Amino acid sequence: MSMHEIADLLTDTVELWRGEPRAPEMTWNLEALPERLELDTAIAPTGAAPAEPIHVYELGAETMALAASRGRADLVYDWCAFLLGFWSHMPTTEDYAADRIASDWFPKMRAAFDAVDTTNHQPRHRSLTLRPDGHPSWFTDEHNALIRAFFA
């Protein structure tokens, strides 16, 4: 899948993490994300790999929390849109099941989302547009239900 529009999001996120204690770990995970999700972004990981990759939703939720603390509504919005809109591209393991995502990650994602004003934010790409009712013509019923649950 070609997802060059995600490259800008990842590049901006690496910059956000610069200087933070978890920067090396988060940077490697951000740079490895396209490969893990089979997204073609021309980004490759640099540096030493951590013992184990971070769960994609942990990576996103932690990034959203840091972005919210710095007033970066753009990154909060775009990461939220990525995590919700690209759920069907995530690994198919049990820890990525819709109910686990909702229970394990939505509270932290929602806290970051509610901490900033995204009213006038224009997504960096149309694929990162939040649609609170989902997108019936693009997503499965389960995927749309997950998106609606986040905004409930």
N, C-alpha and C. Protein backbone atom coordinates (compact mmCIF):
# COMPACT_ATOMS: atom_id res chain seq x y z
N MET A 1 0.86 -1.17 0.00
CA MET A 1 0.00 0.00 0.00
C MET A 1 0.91 1.24 0.00
N SER A 2 0.63 2.15 -0.84
CA SER A 2 1.40 3.39 -0.90
C SER A 2 0.77 4.42 0.03
N MET A 3 1.54 4.89 0.99
CA MET A 3 1.02 5.83 1.98
C MET A 3 2.02 6.97 2.20
N HIS A 4 2.42 7.60 1.14
CA HIS A 4 3.39 8.68 1.27
C HIS A 4 2.86 9.83 2.12
N GLU A 5 1.54 9.97 2.22
CA GLU A 5 0.97 11.04 3.04
C GLU A 5 1.26 10.82 4.53
N ILE A 6 1.54 9.60 4.93
CA ILE A 6 1.85 9.29 6.31
C ILE A 6 3.29 9.70 6.64
N ALA A 7 4.15 9.79 5.65
CA ALA A 7 5.55 10.15 5.89
C ALA A 7 5.68 11.49 6.60
N ASP A 8 4.90 12.49 6.21
CA ASP A 8 4.96 13.79 6.87
C ASP A 8 4.55 13.69 8.34
N LEU A 9 3.53 12.91 8.60
CA LEU A 9 3.08 12.71 9.98
C LEU A 9 4.19 12.08 10.80
N LEU A 10 4.84 11.07 10.28
CA LEU A 10 5.92 10.40 11.00
C LEU A 10 7.12 11.33 11.21
N THR A 11 7.47 12.09 10.19
CA THR A 11 8.59 13.03 10.30
C THR A 11 8.31 14.08 11.36
N ASP A 12 7.11 14.66 11.36
CA ASP A 12 6.75 15.66 12.38
C ASP A 12 6.74 15.04 13.77
N THR A 13 6.35 13.78 13.86
CA THR A 13 6.29 13.11 15.16
C THR A 13 7.68 12.81 15.70
N VAL A 14 8.60 12.43 14.83
CA VAL A 14 9.99 12.24 15.28
C VAL A 14 10.51 13.55 15.86
N GLU A 15 10.21 14.67 15.22
CA GLU A 15 10.62 15.98 15.73
C GLU A 15 9.99 16.26 17.10
N LEU A 16 8.73 15.90 17.26
CA LEU A 16 8.05 16.10 18.54
C LEU A 16 8.77 15.37 19.66
N TRP A 17 9.22 14.16 19.40
CA TRP A 17 9.87 13.35 20.43
C TRP A 17 11.32 13.75 20.69
N ARG A 18 11.93 14.52 19.81
CA ARG A 18 13.33 14.90 19.96
C ARG A 18 13.56 15.53 21.34
N GLY A 19 14.56 15.05 22.04
CA GLY A 19 14.92 15.59 23.35
C GLY A 19 14.18 14.95 24.51
N GLU A 20 13.19 14.12 24.23
CA GLU A 20 12.45 13.44 25.28
C GLU A 20 13.22 12.18 25.72
N PRO A 21 13.06 11.75 26.98
CA PRO A 21 13.78 10.56 27.45
C PRO A 21 13.53 9.31 26.60
N ARG A 22 12.34 9.15 26.07
CA ARG A 22 12.02 7.97 25.26
C ARG A 22 12.28 8.20 23.76
N ALA A 23 12.95 9.29 23.41
CA ALA A 23 13.16 9.63 21.99
C ALA A 23 13.79 8.50 21.17
N PRO A 24 14.88 7.86 21.62
CA PRO A 24 15.46 6.81 20.78
C PRO A 24 14.48 5.66 20.50
N GLU A 25 13.79 5.20 21.53
CA GLU A 25 12.83 4.11 21.38
C GLU A 25 11.67 4.52 20.48
N MET A 26 11.12 5.71 20.73
CA MET A 26 9.97 6.15 19.94
C MET A 26 10.37 6.43 18.50
N THR A 27 11.53 7.03 18.29
CA THR A 27 11.99 7.31 16.93
C THR A 27 12.15 6.02 16.13
N TRP A 28 12.78 5.02 16.72
CA TRP A 28 12.93 3.76 16.00
C TRP A 28 11.56 3.19 15.65
N ASN A 29 10.64 3.20 16.60
CA ASN A 29 9.30 2.66 16.35
C ASN A 29 8.55 3.45 15.30
N LEU A 30 8.69 4.76 15.30
CA LEU A 30 8.05 5.59 14.28
C LEU A 30 8.63 5.28 12.90
N GLU A 31 9.94 5.17 12.82
CA GLU A 31 10.58 4.89 11.54
C GLU A 31 10.30 3.47 11.06
N ALA A 32 10.06 2.54 11.98
CA ALA A 32 9.77 1.15 11.61
C ALA A 32 8.30 0.92 11.30
N LEU A 33 7.44 1.87 11.67
CA LEU A 33 6.00 1.70 11.50
C LEU A 33 5.59 1.39 10.06
N PRO A 34 6.10 2.10 9.07
CA PRO A 34 5.69 1.78 7.69
C PRO A 34 5.99 0.33 7.31
N GLU A 35 7.14 -0.16 7.70
CA GLU A 35 7.49 -1.55 7.40
C GLU A 35 6.58 -2.52 8.14
N ARG A 36 6.30 -2.24 9.41
CA ARG A 36 5.44 -3.13 10.22
C ARG A 36 4.03 -3.20 9.64
N LEU A 37 3.53 -2.10 9.11
CA LEU A 37 2.16 -2.05 8.59
C LEU A 37 2.10 -2.17 7.07
N GLU A 38 3.25 -2.41 6.46
CA GLU A 38 3.36 -2.55 5.01
C GLU A 38 2.86 -1.31 4.28
N LEU A 39 3.30 -0.14 4.79
CA LEU A 39 2.99 1.14 4.17
C LEU A 39 4.24 1.61 3.43
N ASP A 40 4.09 2.03 2.21
CA ASP A 40 5.22 2.50 1.43
C ASP A 40 5.41 3.99 1.67
N THR A 41 6.36 4.34 2.54
CA THR A 41 6.60 5.75 2.85
C THR A 41 8.03 6.17 2.60
N ALA A 42 8.89 5.27 2.18
CA ALA A 42 10.31 5.55 1.95
C ALA A 42 11.02 5.96 3.23
N ILE A 43 10.50 5.57 4.39
CA ILE A 43 11.15 5.80 5.67
C ILE A 43 11.63 4.45 6.17
N ALA A 44 12.86 4.41 6.67
CA ALA A 44 13.40 3.18 7.21
C ALA A 44 13.97 3.46 8.60
N PRO A 45 13.91 2.48 9.50
CA PRO A 45 14.42 2.71 10.85
C PRO A 45 15.92 2.92 10.87
N THR A 46 16.34 3.80 11.76
CA THR A 46 17.76 4.05 11.98
C THR A 46 18.05 3.74 13.45
N GLY A 47 19.29 3.51 13.76
CA GLY A 47 19.64 3.23 15.14
C GLY A 47 19.33 1.80 15.52
N ALA A 48 19.59 1.50 16.79
CA ALA A 48 19.38 0.15 17.30
C ALA A 48 17.91 -0.10 17.58
N ALA A 49 17.47 -1.29 17.23
CA ALA A 49 16.08 -1.67 17.49
C ALA A 49 15.89 -1.93 18.98
N PRO A 50 14.74 -1.54 19.53
CA PRO A 50 14.47 -1.88 20.92
C PRO A 50 14.24 -3.38 21.04
N ALA A 51 14.18 -3.88 22.26
CA ALA A 51 13.99 -5.32 22.48
C ALA A 51 12.74 -5.81 21.77
N GLU A 52 11.69 -5.02 21.82
CA GLU A 52 10.43 -5.40 21.18
C GLU A 52 9.73 -4.15 20.68
N PRO A 53 9.15 -4.19 19.48
CA PRO A 53 8.44 -3.00 18.99
C PRO A 53 7.27 -2.64 19.91
N ILE A 54 6.98 -1.36 19.99
CA ILE A 54 5.88 -0.86 20.79
C ILE A 54 4.57 -1.13 20.04
N HIS A 55 3.53 -1.46 20.77
CA HIS A 55 2.20 -1.62 20.19
C HIS A 55 1.87 -0.32 19.46
N VAL A 56 1.32 -0.42 18.27
CA VAL A 56 1.04 0.77 17.45
C VAL A 56 0.14 1.76 18.20
N TYR A 57 -0.84 1.25 18.93
CA TYR A 57 -1.74 2.16 19.64
C TYR A 57 -1.07 2.78 20.86
N GLU A 58 -0.13 2.09 21.47
CA GLU A 58 0.66 2.72 22.54
C GLU A 58 1.49 3.85 21.96
N LEU A 59 2.14 3.58 20.85
CA LEU A 59 2.93 4.60 20.16
C LEU A 59 2.08 5.83 19.85
N GLY A 60 0.90 5.60 19.30
CA GLY A 60 0.01 6.69 18.93
C GLY A 60 -0.55 7.42 20.14
N ALA A 61 -1.00 6.68 21.15
CA ALA A 61 -1.57 7.30 22.35
C ALA A 61 -0.53 8.11 23.10
N GLU A 62 0.69 7.58 23.21
CA GLU A 62 1.77 8.32 23.88
C GLU A 62 2.13 9.58 23.09
N THR A 63 2.13 9.45 21.78
CA THR A 63 2.41 10.61 20.93
C THR A 63 1.31 11.65 21.06
N MET A 64 0.07 11.20 21.07
CA MET A 64 -1.06 12.14 21.24
C MET A 64 -0.96 12.86 22.58
N ALA A 65 -0.59 12.15 23.64
CA ALA A 65 -0.47 12.76 24.97
C ALA A 65 0.64 13.81 24.97
N LEU A 66 1.79 13.48 24.39
CA LEU A 66 2.89 14.44 24.33
C LEU A 66 2.50 15.64 23.48
N ALA A 67 1.88 15.40 22.34
CA ALA A 67 1.45 16.49 21.46
C ALA A 67 0.44 17.39 22.16
N ALA A 68 -0.50 16.80 22.90
CA ALA A 68 -1.49 17.60 23.63
C ALA A 68 -0.80 18.46 24.69
N SER A 69 0.20 17.90 25.37
CA SER A 69 0.90 18.67 26.41
C SER A 69 1.67 19.84 25.83
N ARG A 70 1.98 19.76 24.56
CA ARG A 70 2.71 20.85 23.88
C ARG A 70 1.79 21.71 23.01
N GLY A 71 0.49 21.48 23.11
CA GLY A 71 -0.46 22.28 22.34
C GLY A 71 -0.45 22.00 20.85
N ARG A 72 -0.01 20.82 20.46
CA ARG A 72 0.07 20.46 19.05
C ARG A 72 -1.21 19.74 18.62
N ALA A 73 -2.29 20.51 18.49
CA ALA A 73 -3.58 19.94 18.09
C ALA A 73 -3.48 19.23 16.75
N ASP A 74 -2.62 19.71 15.87
CA ASP A 74 -2.47 19.07 14.56
C ASP A 74 -2.03 17.62 14.68
N LEU A 75 -1.04 17.37 15.54
CA LEU A 75 -0.56 16.00 15.70
C LEU A 75 -1.56 15.14 16.46
N VAL A 76 -2.25 15.72 17.42
CA VAL A 76 -3.28 14.97 18.15
C VAL A 76 -4.36 14.51 17.16
N TYR A 77 -4.85 15.42 16.36
CA TYR A 77 -5.90 15.12 15.38
C TYR A 77 -5.41 14.07 14.37
N ASP A 78 -4.26 14.33 13.77
CA ASP A 78 -3.79 13.44 12.70
C ASP A 78 -3.46 12.05 13.21
N TRP A 79 -2.90 11.94 14.42
CA TRP A 79 -2.65 10.61 14.99
C TRP A 79 -3.95 9.91 15.32
N CYS A 80 -4.91 10.64 15.85
CA CYS A 80 -6.21 10.05 16.14
C CYS A 80 -6.84 9.52 14.85
N ALA A 81 -6.79 10.33 13.81
CA ALA A 81 -7.34 9.92 12.51
C ALA A 81 -6.60 8.71 11.96
N PHE A 82 -5.29 8.68 12.11
CA PHE A 82 -4.51 7.54 11.63
C PHE A 82 -4.90 6.27 12.39
N LEU A 83 -4.94 6.35 13.72
CA LEU A 83 -5.24 5.17 14.52
C LEU A 83 -6.66 4.66 14.28
N LEU A 84 -7.59 5.56 14.10
CA LEU A 84 -8.97 5.14 13.84
C LEU A 84 -9.17 4.71 12.39
N GLY A 85 -8.66 5.47 11.46
CA GLY A 85 -8.90 5.21 10.05
C GLY A 85 -8.11 4.05 9.48
N PHE A 86 -6.96 3.75 10.08
CA PHE A 86 -6.12 2.69 9.53
C PHE A 86 -6.15 1.42 10.38
N TRP A 87 -7.17 1.30 11.25
CA TRP A 87 -7.28 0.12 12.12
C TRP A 87 -7.26 -1.17 11.31
N SER A 88 -7.90 -1.20 10.18
CA SER A 88 -7.97 -2.43 9.38
C SER A 88 -6.61 -2.83 8.80
N HIS A 89 -5.63 -1.94 8.86
CA HIS A 89 -4.28 -2.25 8.36
C HIS A 89 -3.35 -2.70 9.48
N MET A 90 -3.86 -2.72 10.70
CA MET A 90 -3.05 -3.11 11.84
C MET A 90 -2.88 -4.62 11.87
N PRO A 91 -1.94 -5.10 12.68
CA PRO A 91 -1.77 -6.56 12.81
C PRO A 91 -3.10 -7.22 13.20
N THR A 92 -3.24 -8.47 12.85
CA THR A 92 -4.49 -9.18 13.11
C THR A 92 -4.41 -10.01 14.40
N THR A 93 -3.55 -9.64 15.30
CA THR A 93 -3.43 -10.35 16.57
C THR A 93 -4.53 -9.90 17.53
N GLU A 94 -4.72 -10.68 18.58
CA GLU A 94 -5.80 -10.42 19.54
C GLU A 94 -5.69 -9.04 20.19
N ASP A 95 -4.46 -8.58 20.42
CA ASP A 95 -4.31 -7.27 21.07
C ASP A 95 -4.65 -6.09 20.15
N TYR A 96 -5.00 -6.37 18.91
CA TYR A 96 -5.48 -5.33 17.99
C TYR A 96 -6.97 -5.49 17.68
N ALA A 97 -7.64 -6.40 18.39
CA ALA A 97 -9.08 -6.58 18.21
C ALA A 97 -9.79 -5.30 18.64
N ALA A 98 -10.91 -5.03 18.01
CA ALA A 98 -11.64 -3.77 18.25
C ALA A 98 -11.95 -3.56 19.73
N ASP A 99 -12.42 -4.59 20.42
CA ASP A 99 -12.76 -4.42 21.84
C ASP A 99 -11.54 -4.12 22.69
N ARG A 100 -10.40 -4.71 22.35
CA ARG A 100 -9.16 -4.42 23.09
C ARG A 100 -8.66 -3.01 22.82
N ILE A 101 -8.76 -2.56 21.58
CA ILE A 101 -8.35 -1.20 21.25
C ILE A 101 -9.22 -0.22 22.02
N ALA A 102 -10.52 -0.44 22.02
CA ALA A 102 -11.45 0.46 22.71
C ALA A 102 -11.17 0.49 24.22
N SER A 103 -10.97 -0.66 24.81
CA SER A 103 -10.77 -0.68 26.27
C SER A 103 -9.37 -0.27 26.69
N ASP A 104 -8.36 -0.67 25.94
CA ASP A 104 -6.98 -0.40 26.34
C ASP A 104 -6.46 0.97 25.93
N TRP A 105 -6.91 1.48 24.78
CA TRP A 105 -6.28 2.69 24.24
C TRP A 105 -7.19 3.89 24.09
N PHE A 106 -8.49 3.68 23.94
CA PHE A 106 -9.38 4.83 23.75
C PHE A 106 -9.36 5.81 24.92
N PRO A 107 -9.30 5.39 26.17
CA PRO A 107 -9.30 6.39 27.25
C PRO A 107 -8.12 7.38 27.14
N LYS A 108 -6.94 6.88 26.87
CA LYS A 108 -5.77 7.77 26.74
C LYS A 108 -5.87 8.62 25.47
N MET A 109 -6.32 8.02 24.37
CA MET A 109 -6.48 8.77 23.13
C MET A 109 -7.52 9.87 23.32
N ARG A 110 -8.62 9.54 23.97
CA ARG A 110 -9.72 10.50 24.16
C ARG A 110 -9.27 11.64 25.07
N ALA A 111 -8.50 11.33 26.10
CA ALA A 111 -7.99 12.38 27.01
C ALA A 111 -7.14 13.38 26.24
N ALA A 112 -6.27 12.89 25.38
CA ALA A 112 -5.42 13.80 24.59
C ALA A 112 -6.27 14.58 23.60
N PHE A 113 -7.21 13.90 22.95
CA PHE A 113 -8.07 14.55 21.95
C PHE A 113 -8.90 15.66 22.60
N ASP A 114 -9.43 15.39 23.78
CA ASP A 114 -10.27 16.38 24.47
C ASP A 114 -9.45 17.53 25.07
N ALA A 115 -8.14 17.36 25.18
CA ALA A 115 -7.28 18.38 25.79
C ALA A 115 -6.92 19.51 24.83
N VAL A 116 -7.20 19.33 23.54
CA VAL A 116 -6.85 20.36 22.55
C VAL A 116 -8.08 20.71 21.71
N ASP A 117 -8.03 21.86 21.09
CA ASP A 117 -9.11 22.30 20.21
C ASP A 117 -8.73 21.96 18.77
N THR A 118 -9.44 21.00 18.21
CA THR A 118 -9.18 20.58 16.83
C THR A 118 -10.25 21.09 15.87
N THR A 119 -11.09 21.99 16.34
CA THR A 119 -12.23 22.47 15.56
C THR A 119 -11.84 22.96 14.17
N ASN A 120 -10.80 23.73 14.07
CA ASN A 120 -10.41 24.33 12.78
C ASN A 120 -9.23 23.64 12.12
N HIS A 121 -8.88 22.47 12.61
CA HIS A 121 -7.72 21.76 12.04
C HIS A 121 -8.06 21.21 10.65
N GLN A 122 -7.16 21.42 9.74
CA GLN A 122 -7.26 20.83 8.40
C GLN A 122 -6.26 19.68 8.33
N PRO A 123 -6.73 18.45 8.15
CA PRO A 123 -5.81 17.32 8.11
C PRO A 123 -4.75 17.47 7.02
N ARG A 124 -3.59 16.92 7.26
CA ARG A 124 -2.50 17.03 6.29
C ARG A 124 -2.79 16.27 5.01
N HIS A 125 -3.74 15.34 5.07
CA HIS A 125 -4.16 14.59 3.89
C HIS A 125 -5.59 14.14 4.10
N ARG A 126 -6.36 14.00 3.05
CA ARG A 126 -7.77 13.63 3.19
C ARG A 126 -7.94 12.27 3.84
N SER A 127 -6.94 11.40 3.74
CA SER A 127 -7.04 10.09 4.38
C SER A 127 -6.97 10.21 5.90
N LEU A 128 -6.57 11.37 6.40
CA LEU A 128 -6.51 11.62 7.84
C LEU A 128 -7.64 12.53 8.30
N THR A 129 -8.77 12.43 7.66
CA THR A 129 -9.95 13.18 8.05
C THR A 129 -10.77 12.33 9.02
N LEU A 130 -11.05 12.89 10.19
CA LEU A 130 -11.88 12.17 11.16
C LEU A 130 -13.34 12.24 10.74
N ARG A 131 -13.97 11.10 10.74
CA ARG A 131 -15.40 10.99 10.43
C ARG A 131 -16.05 10.27 11.61
N PRO A 132 -16.68 11.01 12.53
CA PRO A 132 -17.22 10.40 13.75
C PRO A 132 -18.22 9.26 13.52
N ASP A 133 -18.84 9.22 12.37
CA ASP A 133 -19.77 8.12 12.06
C ASP A 133 -19.10 7.02 11.25
N GLY A 134 -17.80 7.12 11.04
CA GLY A 134 -17.10 6.15 10.22
C GLY A 134 -17.25 6.50 8.75
N HIS A 135 -17.05 5.54 7.92
CA HIS A 135 -17.17 5.74 6.48
C HIS A 135 -17.70 4.44 5.88
N PRO A 136 -19.05 4.31 5.83
CA PRO A 136 -19.67 3.04 5.41
C PRO A 136 -19.20 2.49 4.07
N SER A 137 -18.86 3.35 3.13
CA SER A 137 -18.45 2.83 1.82
C SER A 137 -16.99 2.36 1.82
N TRP A 138 -16.21 2.75 2.81
CA TRP A 138 -14.80 2.35 2.86
C TRP A 138 -14.54 1.26 3.90
N PHE A 139 -15.20 1.36 5.07
CA PHE A 139 -14.86 0.50 6.19
C PHE A 139 -15.92 -0.57 6.41
N THR A 140 -15.50 -1.64 7.09
CA THR A 140 -16.43 -2.70 7.48
C THR A 140 -17.33 -2.18 8.60
N ASP A 141 -18.40 -2.91 8.87
CA ASP A 141 -19.29 -2.54 9.97
C ASP A 141 -18.52 -2.49 11.30
N GLU A 142 -17.64 -3.46 11.50
CA GLU A 142 -16.85 -3.50 12.75
C GLU A 142 -15.95 -2.27 12.86
N HIS A 143 -15.33 -1.90 11.76
CA HIS A 143 -14.44 -0.73 11.75
C HIS A 143 -15.25 0.54 12.04
N ASN A 144 -16.38 0.69 11.39
CA ASN A 144 -17.23 1.86 11.64
C ASN A 144 -17.72 1.90 13.09
N ALA A 145 -18.06 0.74 13.65
CA ALA A 145 -18.51 0.68 15.04
C ALA A 145 -17.38 1.11 15.98
N LEU A 146 -16.15 0.74 15.67
CA LEU A 146 -15.01 1.15 16.48
C LEU A 146 -14.85 2.67 16.46
N ILE A 147 -14.96 3.26 15.30
CA ILE A 147 -14.85 4.72 15.18
C ILE A 147 -15.99 5.40 15.95
N ARG A 148 -17.20 4.93 15.78
CA ARG A 148 -18.33 5.52 16.51
C ARG A 148 -18.14 5.38 18.02
N ALA A 149 -17.57 4.27 18.47
CA ALA A 149 -17.34 4.07 19.91
C ALA A 149 -16.36 5.11 20.46
N PHE A 150 -15.36 5.47 19.65
CA PHE A 150 -14.42 6.50 20.13
C PHE A 150 -15.12 7.82 20.37
N PHE A 151 -16.05 8.17 19.50
CA PHE A 151 -16.73 9.47 19.60
C PHE A 151 -18.00 9.44 20.46
N ALA A 152 -18.34 8.27 20.99
CA ALA A 152 -19.57 8.14 21.82
C ALA A 152 -19.43 8.88 23.15
